[in-house]
Amino acid sequence: MPISEFNEKHREVLDSMLLEIPGVKAGKMFGLPGYYINGKLFACLYEEGVAMKVPDKVRERLMAKKDVEMFVPMGKHKMKEWVLINKTNSKDYLKYEDDFISSLEYVLALSKQAPKKKK
C-alpha cells in the first residue's frame, strides 16, 4: 500500500529548484513525489521530509546535522545510500541545492556503469 503523506509546500520548493535542471523529471515513488534523472530516482518526498541518494562523503557530512537521518521507508529497511532531511520550513531545502546536484550526479554516474556480470 503506497504512503500518501507528504508536505505539499516541500514539493513546491523542490519543483522550483529541481525541475529547472536539464534532464530532471518529476515522477512517483511509493505514490509520493519523486525526482528522476535518466529514469533513476535520486530524491523523493517522504512524510514531513525529503530523501535523497548520495555518495558516502556527502552522506557522512549530512548525517552530522541534527535534522538528517538514515532513510528507512515504512520503518523497514535502512537504505544505506539514502538520507532523510527533515525541515519544517520548506524554503530551507534550497540551502541543500548543492547536495541535490551531488545526488543527481551520483545517480547519473551509477546508471552509466556497466552492469556486473553474473558468475
Foldseek 3Di string as FASTA:
>chain_A
DADDAFDVLLVVLCCVQPVVDPQWDWDDDSNFIFIDHPRHTAKTTDHQWIKGFADPVVLVVVCVDPQKDFDQPPVHDGDVRMMIGHDPDSNVCVVCSVVSVRRRVVRVVVVPDDDDDDD
